[in-house]
């Protein structure tokens, strides 16, 4: 959108970090120990990525928060996989996923997914027995 002033997802994420860190929220990184036991016998694996990790944006008092101004697949991953992993590891009991509403997504510099789409998909998906209680919070610039 040449000539139009747009919001930067990267800068918005930085602003959220500044505000949450001031309130004593912490990010949590957990190392990934990738298994090799599922390889067929005799398979010679290349060295797995040392230093691999999963990270949650903010955690405090067993509540995990993810701020997602990115592609749709990351929103789904955060709620359907990452929050379950961090719960299973004992870091959280519930989560909050902060995403833009459609009006804000339309004003961003890269194509991002949005609250209304995400909520519709989650409602149609239904509840699973591995789900973590998550509040999906749609935000706008106003």
Protein backbone atom coordinates (compact mmCIF):
# COMPACT_ATOMS: atom_id res chain seq x y z
CA UNK A 1 0.00 0.00 0.00
CA UNK A 2 2.34 2.71 -1.26
CA UNK A 3 1.96 6.06 0.45
CA UNK A 4 -0.20 4.77 3.29
CA UNK A 5 0.96 4.89 6.91
CA UNK A 6 0.64 1.38 8.40
CA UNK A 7 1.28 -0.33 11.72
CA UNK A 8 4.38 -2.49 12.00
CA UNK A 9 3.78 -5.90 13.63
CA UNK A 10 7.43 -6.00 14.75
CA UNK A 11 7.21 -2.61 16.46
CA UNK A 12 3.89 -3.49 18.08
CA UNK A 13 5.44 -6.65 19.53
CA UNK A 14 8.31 -4.60 20.96
CA UNK A 15 5.86 -2.22 22.62
CA UNK A 16 3.99 -5.10 24.23
CA UNK A 17 7.30 -6.51 25.52
CA UNK A 18 8.26 -3.18 27.07
CA UNK A 19 4.93 -2.86 28.87
CA UNK A 20 4.77 -6.46 30.10
CA UNK A 21 8.41 -6.49 31.29
CA UNK A 22 7.74 -3.32 33.31
CA UNK A 23 4.99 -5.27 35.08
CA UNK A 24 7.43 -8.10 35.94
CA UNK A 25 6.20 -10.61 33.33
CA UNK A 26 8.97 -12.92 32.11
CA UNK A 27 9.51 -14.87 28.93
CA UNK A 28 10.23 -18.57 29.33
CA UNK A 29 12.40 -20.69 27.07
CA UNK A 30 12.46 -24.45 27.30
CA UNK A 31 15.13 -26.46 25.50
CA UNK A 32 14.02 -29.00 22.91
CA UNK A 33 15.58 -32.42 23.21
CA UNK A 34 14.59 -33.93 19.87
CA UNK A 35 14.16 -37.71 19.98
CA UNK A 36 15.90 -40.02 17.57
CA UNK A 37 14.26 -43.21 18.84
CA UNK A 38 11.67 -43.09 16.05
CA UNK A 39 14.20 -43.44 13.24
CA UNK A 40 14.37 -46.75 11.42
CA UNK A 41 17.29 -48.94 12.51
CA UNK A 42 20.52 -48.06 10.71
CA UNK A 43 19.47 -44.53 9.76
CA UNK A 44 22.40 -42.14 10.12
CA UNK A 45 20.93 -38.88 11.36
CA UNK A 46 22.66 -35.58 10.87
CA UNK A 47 23.37 -33.73 14.09
CA UNK A 48 20.17 -32.27 15.44
CA UNK A 49 20.02 -28.54 16.04
CA UNK A 50 21.68 -27.92 19.37
CA UNK A 51 20.24 -24.97 21.23
CA UNK A 52 16.71 -25.47 19.87
CA UNK A 53 13.98 -24.16 22.17
CA UNK A 54 10.34 -23.17 22.51
CA UNK A 55 9.48 -19.81 24.03
CA UNK A 56 6.42 -18.25 25.58
CA UNK A 57 6.23 -14.45 25.37
CA UNK A 58 5.11 -13.73 28.95
CA UNK A 59 4.48 -15.86 32.02
CA UNK A 60 3.48 -14.81 35.52
CA UNK A 61 1.65 -16.76 38.24
CA UNK A 62 1.00 -19.73 35.90
CA UNK A 63 -0.64 -17.55 33.23
CA UNK A 64 0.98 -17.59 29.79
CA UNK A 65 0.52 -14.80 27.28
CA UNK A 66 1.32 -14.86 23.59
CA UNK A 67 1.16 -11.73 21.44
CA UNK A 68 0.64 -12.71 17.83
CA UNK A 69 0.69 -10.20 15.00
CA UNK A 70 1.83 -12.79 12.49
CA UNK A 71 0.46 -15.41 10.19
CA UNK A 72 -2.58 -17.49 11.02
CA UNK A 73 -0.61 -20.70 11.52
CA UNK A 74 1.24 -19.14 14.47
CA UNK A 75 -2.03 -18.24 16.22
CA UNK A 76 -3.24 -21.82 15.88
CA UNK A 77 0.11 -23.24 17.01
CA UNK A 78 0.17 -21.02 20.11
CA UNK A 79 -3.27 -22.11 21.32
CA UNK A 80 -3.47 -25.68 20.03
CA UNK A 81 0.09 -26.82 20.74
CA UNK A 82 2.43 -24.42 22.55
CA UNK A 83 0.14 -23.65 25.47
CA UNK A 84 -0.53 -27.35 25.98
CA UNK A 85 3.22 -28.04 25.98
CA UNK A 86 3.92 -25.29 28.52
CA UNK A 87 1.05 -26.54 30.71
CA UNK A 88 2.36 -30.10 30.55
CA UNK A 89 5.80 -28.80 31.58
CA UNK A 90 4.25 -27.06 34.62
CA UNK A 91 4.81 -23.45 33.53
CA UNK A 92 1.17 -22.39 32.97
CA UNK A 93 -2.39 -23.37 33.86
CA UNK A 94 -4.14 -21.02 31.41
CA UNK A 95 -3.31 -18.65 28.61
CA UNK A 96 -4.14 -15.45 26.78
CA UNK A 97 -3.63 -15.04 23.04
CA UNK A 98 -3.53 -11.36 22.00
CA UNK A 99 -4.31 -10.86 18.31
CA UNK A 100 -5.46 -7.96 16.12
CA UNK A 101 -9.11 -7.54 15.17
CA UNK A 102 -9.85 -7.29 11.45
CA UNK A 103 -9.86 -3.48 11.46
CA UNK A 104 -6.30 -3.38 12.84
CA UNK A 105 -5.06 -6.24 10.65
CA UNK A 106 -6.18 -4.24 7.60
CA UNK A 107 -3.93 -1.38 8.76
CA UNK A 108 -0.79 -3.47 9.25
CA UNK A 109 2.26 -3.52 7.00
CA UNK A 110 2.18 -7.29 6.47
CA UNK A 111 -0.71 -9.66 5.95
CA UNK A 112 -1.68 -10.94 9.38
CA UNK A 113 -4.54 -13.01 10.61
CA UNK A 114 -7.18 -11.61 12.89
CA UNK A 115 -9.45 -12.24 15.85
CA UNK A 116 -12.73 -12.84 14.03
CA UNK A 117 -11.22 -15.50 11.75
CA UNK A 118 -9.42 -17.21 14.62
CA UNK A 119 -12.48 -17.34 16.89
CA UNK A 120 -14.66 -18.73 14.09
CA UNK A 121 -12.17 -21.53 13.44
CA UNK A 122 -11.82 -22.38 17.14
CA UNK A 123 -15.60 -22.51 17.56
CA UNK A 124 -15.96 -24.82 14.55
CA UNK A 125 -13.05 -26.99 15.78
CA UNK A 126 -14.69 -27.62 19.13
CA UNK A 127 -13.12 -28.55 22.44
CA UNK A 128 -10.49 -31.25 22.83
CA UNK A 129 -9.43 -33.02 26.01
CA UNK A 130 -5.89 -31.59 25.70
CA UNK A 131 -7.00 -27.96 25.54
CA UNK A 132 -5.80 -25.33 27.99
CA UNK A 133 -8.24 -22.58 29.02
CA UNK A 134 -7.32 -19.64 26.76
CA UNK A 135 -8.80 -16.16 26.42
CA UNK A 136 -8.41 -14.92 22.86
CA UNK A 137 -8.18 -11.14 23.13
CA UNK A 138 -8.71 -9.06 20.01
CA UNK A 139 -7.11 -5.60 20.07
CA UNK A 140 -7.48 -2.51 17.90
CA UNK A 141 -5.52 0.73 17.68
CA UNK A 142 -8.39 2.86 19.01
